[in-house]
Amino acid sequence: MGGLQGWHLVIIIVLALLLFGAPKLPGLARSMGQSLRIFKSEVRQMKDEDQKDADGVDETQAKKRETVEGDIIDPERKRDTPNL
């Protein structure tokens, strides 16, 4: 008495065909699929941003930090130029 039975689904499908018409249903399904793809990509992007925040460094900054070139400076040596 309280559950959704098979004949209920048949009635719902028939009503959907009558209300929306057969030509409109493929377009409706297509737009629903596109909406779901967009939603999934947004959720994935939010997870990636959260992961970057948790790591503290994004991938491009990590790659920049891998190689460092420069001179070794002796902190004990006094500067030859006056402070400005």
Protein backbone atom coordinates (compact mmCIF):
# COMPACT_ATOMS: atom_id res chain seq x y z
CA MET A 1 0.00 0.00 0.00
CA GLY A 2 2.80 2.45 0.79
CA GLY A 3 5.34 1.52 -1.90
CA LEU A 4 5.77 2.57 -5.50
CA GLN A 5 4.70 -0.31 -7.72
CA GLY A 6 5.36 -1.11 -11.37
CA TRP A 7 2.01 0.11 -12.65
CA HIS A 8 2.65 3.47 -10.93
CA LEU A 9 5.76 3.90 -13.07
CA VAL A 10 3.79 3.04 -16.21
CA ILE A 11 1.22 5.73 -15.41
CA ILE A 12 3.99 8.28 -14.75
CA ILE A 13 5.65 7.50 -18.09
CA VAL A 14 2.37 7.74 -19.99
CA LEU A 15 1.61 11.09 -18.32
CA ALA A 16 5.08 12.35 -19.21
CA LEU A 17 4.53 11.40 -22.85
CA LEU A 18 1.16 13.12 -22.90
CA LEU A 19 2.42 16.29 -21.19
CA PHE A 20 5.75 16.76 -22.90
CA GLY A 21 5.15 14.95 -26.16
CA ALA A 22 7.45 12.41 -27.76
CA PRO A 23 9.53 14.97 -29.76
CA LYS A 24 10.39 17.02 -26.67
CA LEU A 25 11.62 14.14 -24.50
CA PRO A 26 15.01 13.59 -26.28
CA GLY A 27 15.80 17.30 -25.97
CA LEU A 28 14.81 17.22 -22.32
CA ALA A 29 17.04 14.20 -21.67
CA ARG A 30 19.92 15.83 -23.57
CA SER A 31 19.70 19.05 -21.57
CA MET A 32 19.47 17.09 -18.32
CA GLY A 33 22.60 15.11 -19.26
CA GLN A 34 24.47 18.30 -20.12
CA SER A 35 23.44 19.83 -16.79
CA LEU A 36 24.72 16.78 -14.93
CA ARG A 37 28.07 16.94 -16.77
CA ILE A 38 28.47 20.61 -15.86
CA PHE A 39 27.57 19.86 -12.24
CA LYS A 40 30.12 17.03 -12.06
CA SER A 41 32.88 19.19 -13.52
CA GLU A 42 32.13 21.99 -11.04
CA VAL A 43 32.22 19.55 -8.12
CA ARG A 44 35.52 18.12 -9.38
CA GLN A 45 36.96 21.62 -9.72
CA MET A 46 35.89 22.51 -6.17
CA LYS A 47 37.54 19.33 -4.84
CA ASP A 48 40.76 20.20 -6.69
CA GLU A 49 40.74 23.72 -5.22
CA ASP A 50 40.15 22.33 -1.73
CA GLN A 51 43.05 19.93 -2.23
CA LYS A 52 45.32 22.80 -3.32
CA ASP A 53 44.29 24.80 -0.25
CA ALA A 54 45.01 21.81 1.98
CA ASP A 55 48.44 21.32 0.42
CA GLY A 56 49.21 25.02 0.74
CA VAL A 57 50.90 25.11 -2.66
CA ASP A 58 49.40 24.61 -6.07
CA GLU A 59 51.16 22.59 -8.76
CA THR A 60 52.60 25.53 -10.70
CA GLN A 61 54.18 27.01 -7.60
CA ALA A 62 55.62 23.62 -6.66
CA LYS A 63 57.22 23.28 -10.10
CA LYS A 64 58.72 26.76 -9.83
CA ARG A 65 60.26 25.88 -6.47
CA GLU A 66 61.98 22.72 -7.71
CA THR A 67 64.97 24.43 -9.33
CA VAL A 68 66.64 27.43 -7.77
CA GLU A 69 69.68 29.13 -9.26
CA GLY A 70 71.75 31.79 -7.61
CA ASP A 71 74.92 32.67 -5.73
CA ILE A 72 75.71 31.46 -2.26
CA ILE A 73 75.94 34.44 0.05
CA ASP A 74 78.15 34.39 3.10
CA PRO A 75 76.16 35.99 5.93
CA GLU A 76 79.37 36.71 7.86
CA ARG A 77 80.78 38.90 5.08
CA LYS A 78 80.11 42.62 5.42
CA ARG A 79 78.46 44.51 2.63
CA ASP A 80 80.64 46.71 0.44
CA THR A 81 77.82 49.12 -0.38
CA PRO A 82 76.12 51.34 2.19
CA ASN A 83 72.51 50.72 3.13
CA LEU A 84 70.04 52.89 1.27
